Amino acid sequence: MAERGGMFRPPVVGYVEPVPEFYSRLLNLTNITLAGFEKLLPPRILEDLRIESGLKRFAEVLERLLDITKKELANKLLEDKDYDFIENFGAISASLIGTIAGGDINPDSLKSVMIADVHTEGNSKKVLEEGTGFIKTALVAYKLPQGHIVLGMGPVFSYYEFKQPMDNRLTDEAWREMLESGFK
């Protein structure tokens, strides 16, 4: 490359957080959930509610993430189809949500800032709230199978856990307002 006046520039590629146990357990849970629904609900209802098609598609996505993760941990080259999958993951996720939602995606269902009560303590009159905050950007250095170290950039969730008076349980909207006003 030097004689052409250039310098080495690795291709821009995607990366999957290599946590195979997470993908494997979520895949098992998805398959168990599907089997349970298939035992409990008549096929017509499964089809009308898009449960079967949504869970099968989600299982396919998890299998693909698990496969990519195993390749990454084995330091094997990913194929173009793997990088295409990673590049299109946002659209794949939106399509999956659309399948489950019946084709119409409510923009609020794609918001990342959410809050949930996970425990109520009657004695103290408080609830334990867990919430996700605004998506942050992470920079990660990782090694490609060819030996090059590259920087990757991608979204990560912020996480919050705190107690709140039970008479003031938070909605997603109220939680977003708290974050926007500078809650830390």
Protein backbone atom coordinates (compact mmCIF):
# COMPACT_ATOMS: atom_id res chain seq x y z
CA MET A 1 0.00 0.00 0.00
CA ALA A 2 2.88 2.39 0.75
CA GLU A 3 3.95 2.55 -2.87
CA ARG A 4 0.39 3.62 -3.77
CA GLY A 5 0.49 6.36 -1.16
CA GLY A 6 -2.16 4.76 1.04
CA MET A 7 -2.20 3.10 4.38
CA PHE A 8 -3.92 -0.03 5.67
CA ARG A 9 -7.56 0.50 6.40
CA PRO A 10 -9.52 -2.50 7.68
CA PRO A 11 -13.08 -2.85 6.45
CA VAL A 12 -15.84 -1.43 8.60
CA VAL A 13 -17.50 -4.44 10.19
CA GLY A 14 -20.02 -5.14 12.91
CA TYR A 15 -19.63 -6.95 16.19
CA VAL A 16 -21.96 -8.92 18.46
CA GLU A 17 -21.36 -8.86 22.20
CA PRO A 18 -19.98 -12.39 22.67
CA VAL A 19 -22.10 -13.75 25.52
CA PRO A 20 -23.17 -17.19 24.26
CA GLU A 21 -24.75 -18.21 27.56
CA PHE A 22 -27.17 -15.27 27.34
CA TYR A 23 -28.25 -16.07 23.77
CA SER A 24 -28.48 -19.78 24.55
CA ARG A 25 -30.64 -19.30 27.65
CA LEU A 26 -32.90 -16.80 25.92
CA LEU A 27 -33.25 -19.20 22.97
CA ASN A 28 -34.21 -22.04 25.35
CA LEU A 29 -36.73 -19.81 27.11
CA THR A 30 -38.20 -18.77 23.74
CA ASN A 31 -38.56 -22.40 22.63
CA ILE A 32 -40.13 -23.42 25.96
CA THR A 33 -42.54 -20.48 25.73
CA LEU A 34 -43.53 -21.45 22.19
CA ALA A 35 -44.07 -25.09 23.20
CA GLY A 36 -46.25 -23.95 26.11
CA PHE A 37 -48.38 -21.71 23.90
CA GLU A 38 -48.74 -24.51 21.33
CA LYS A 39 -50.09 -26.81 24.07
CA LEU A 40 -52.45 -24.21 25.54
CA LEU A 41 -53.83 -22.35 22.54
CA PRO A 42 -55.61 -23.55 19.41
CA PRO A 43 -53.61 -23.02 16.18
CA ARG A 44 -56.04 -20.35 14.91
CA ILE A 45 -55.51 -18.19 17.98
CA LEU A 46 -51.74 -18.66 17.75
CA GLU A 47 -51.91 -17.48 14.16
CA ASP A 48 -54.28 -14.57 14.88
CA LEU A 49 -52.11 -13.31 17.73
CA ARG A 50 -48.92 -13.90 15.71
CA ILE A 51 -47.43 -15.65 18.73
CA GLU A 52 -46.08 -18.64 16.84
CA SER A 53 -44.56 -16.70 13.94
CA GLY A 54 -43.11 -14.04 16.28
CA LEU A 55 -41.49 -16.55 18.63
CA LYS A 56 -40.16 -18.66 15.74
CA ARG A 57 -38.63 -15.56 14.12
CA PHE A 58 -37.15 -14.48 17.47
CA ALA A 59 -35.63 -17.97 17.88
CA GLU A 60 -34.05 -17.65 14.41
CA VAL A 61 -32.52 -14.29 15.37
CA LEU A 62 -31.15 -15.75 18.64
CA GLU A 63 -29.70 -18.77 16.81
CA ARG A 64 -27.94 -16.41 14.42
CA LEU A 65 -26.56 -14.27 17.27
CA LEU A 66 -25.36 -17.41 19.05
CA ASP A 67 -23.64 -18.67 15.89
CA ILE A 68 -21.91 -15.31 15.30
CA THR A 69 -20.84 -15.15 18.94
CA LYS A 70 -19.28 -18.62 18.79
CA LYS A 71 -17.32 -17.62 15.67
CA GLU A 72 -16.11 -14.43 17.34
CA LEU A 73 -14.94 -16.27 20.45
CA ALA A 74 -13.15 -18.87 18.29
CA ASN A 75 -11.45 -15.96 16.47
CA LYS A 76 -12.90 -17.16 13.15
CA LEU A 77 -13.60 -14.87 10.24
CA LEU A 78 -17.23 -13.91 9.90
CA GLU A 79 -18.85 -14.30 6.52
CA ASP A 80 -20.38 -11.44 4.54
CA LYS A 81 -23.85 -12.75 5.44
CA ASP A 82 -22.93 -12.42 9.15
CA TYR A 83 -21.83 -8.81 8.69
CA ASP A 84 -24.99 -8.11 6.67
CA PHE A 85 -27.06 -9.52 9.54
CA ILE A 86 -25.24 -7.32 12.06
CA GLU A 87 -25.55 -4.24 9.85
CA ASN A 88 -29.29 -4.82 9.41
CA PHE A 89 -30.00 -5.81 13.01
CA GLY A 90 -32.03 -2.65 13.69
CA ALA A 91 -34.33 -3.32 10.74
CA ILE A 92 -34.55 -7.02 11.66
CA SER A 93 -35.57 -6.06 15.22
CA ALA A 94 -38.16 -3.55 13.99
CA SER A 95 -39.58 -6.19 11.62
CA LEU A 96 -39.83 -8.69 14.48
CA ILE A 97 -41.62 -6.15 16.66
CA GLY A 98 -43.93 -5.44 13.73
CA THR A 99 -44.71 -9.16 13.39
CA ILE A 100 -45.65 -9.41 17.05
CA ALA A 101 -47.55 -6.09 17.00
CA GLY A 102 -49.56 -7.11 13.96
CA GLY A 103 -47.74 -4.98 11.42
CA ASP A 104 -48.40 -1.62 13.01
CA ILE A 105 -45.56 -0.48 15.21
CA ASN A 106 -46.38 2.09 17.83
CA PRO A 107 -43.33 4.40 17.98
CA ASP A 108 -43.60 4.37 21.78
CA SER A 109 -42.94 0.61 21.76
CA LEU A 110 -39.49 1.27 20.30
CA LYS A 111 -38.45 3.79 22.95
CA SER A 112 -35.60 2.60 25.11
CA VAL A 113 -36.43 4.60 28.23
CA MET A 114 -38.70 2.48 30.42
CA ILE A 115 -39.38 1.94 34.10
CA ALA A 116 -40.94 -0.92 36.06
CA ASP A 117 -41.88 -1.60 39.66
CA VAL A 118 -40.13 -4.80 40.68
CA HIS A 119 -40.94 -4.93 44.39
CA THR A 120 -43.40 -3.27 46.75
CA GLU A 121 -42.54 -2.96 50.45
CA GLY A 122 -45.71 -2.37 52.42
CA ASN A 123 -43.95 -1.48 55.68
CA SER A 124 -41.87 1.33 54.23
CA LYS A 125 -44.53 2.24 51.64
CA LYS A 126 -41.87 2.19 48.94
CA VAL A 127 -41.45 0.43 45.62
CA LEU A 128 -38.23 -0.67 44.03
CA GLU A 129 -38.08 0.80 40.53
CA GLU A 130 -35.78 -0.45 37.78
CA GLY A 131 -35.38 1.58 34.65
CA THR A 132 -33.42 1.97 31.50
CA GLY A 133 -32.16 5.38 30.62
CA PHE A 134 -31.09 7.00 27.42
CA ILE A 135 -28.96 4.91 25.12
CA LYS A 136 -25.29 5.72 25.52
CA THR A 137 -22.47 5.17 23.05
CA ALA A 138 -19.70 2.71 23.87
CA LEU A 139 -16.32 2.50 22.21
CA VAL A 140 -14.78 -0.97 22.33
CA ALA A 141 -11.41 -2.15 21.06
CA TYR A 142 -11.51 -5.66 19.66
CA LYS A 143 -9.28 -7.87 17.61
CA LEU A 144 -10.27 -9.16 14.18
CA PRO A 145 -9.27 -12.72 13.26
CA GLN A 146 -6.69 -11.25 10.84
CA GLY A 147 -4.91 -9.81 13.88
CA HIS A 148 -5.90 -6.16 13.46
CA ILE A 149 -7.23 -4.29 16.46
CA VAL A 150 -10.11 -1.99 15.61
CA LEU A 151 -12.42 0.30 17.53
CA GLY A 152 -16.10 -0.48 17.47
CA MET A 153 -18.83 1.92 18.43
CA GLY A 154 -22.36 1.01 19.36
CA PRO A 155 -25.30 1.60 21.65
CA VAL A 156 -25.50 0.46 25.27
CA PHE A 157 -28.30 0.86 27.76
CA SER A 158 -27.93 2.83 30.95
CA TYR A 159 -29.58 1.25 33.99
CA TYR A 160 -31.12 2.68 37.15
CA GLU A 161 -32.45 1.10 40.33
CA PHE A 162 -33.91 3.10 43.21
CA LYS A 163 -36.74 3.24 45.74
CA GLN A 164 -39.73 5.47 45.20
CA PRO A 165 -42.77 6.21 47.42
CA MET A 166 -45.48 3.72 46.45
CA ASP A 167 -48.04 6.50 46.06
CA ASN A 168 -45.81 8.03 43.38
CA ARG A 169 -45.13 5.05 41.10
CA LEU A 170 -43.54 6.14 37.88
CA THR A 171 -44.90 5.77 34.36
CA ASP A 172 -42.53 5.58 31.40
CA GLU A 173 -43.48 9.16 30.53
CA ALA A 174 -42.79 10.47 34.05
CA TRP A 175 -39.48 8.59 34.09
CA ARG A 176 -38.44 10.16 30.78
CA GLU A 177 -39.27 13.61 32.20
CA MET A 178 -37.13 12.88 35.28
CA LEU A 179 -34.19 11.89 33.11
CA GLU A 180 -34.58 14.90 30.86
CA SER A 181 -34.52 17.16 33.91
CA GLY A 182 -31.15 15.75 34.99
CA PHE A 183 -31.94 12.81 37.33
CA LYS A 184 -28.78 10.82 38.09
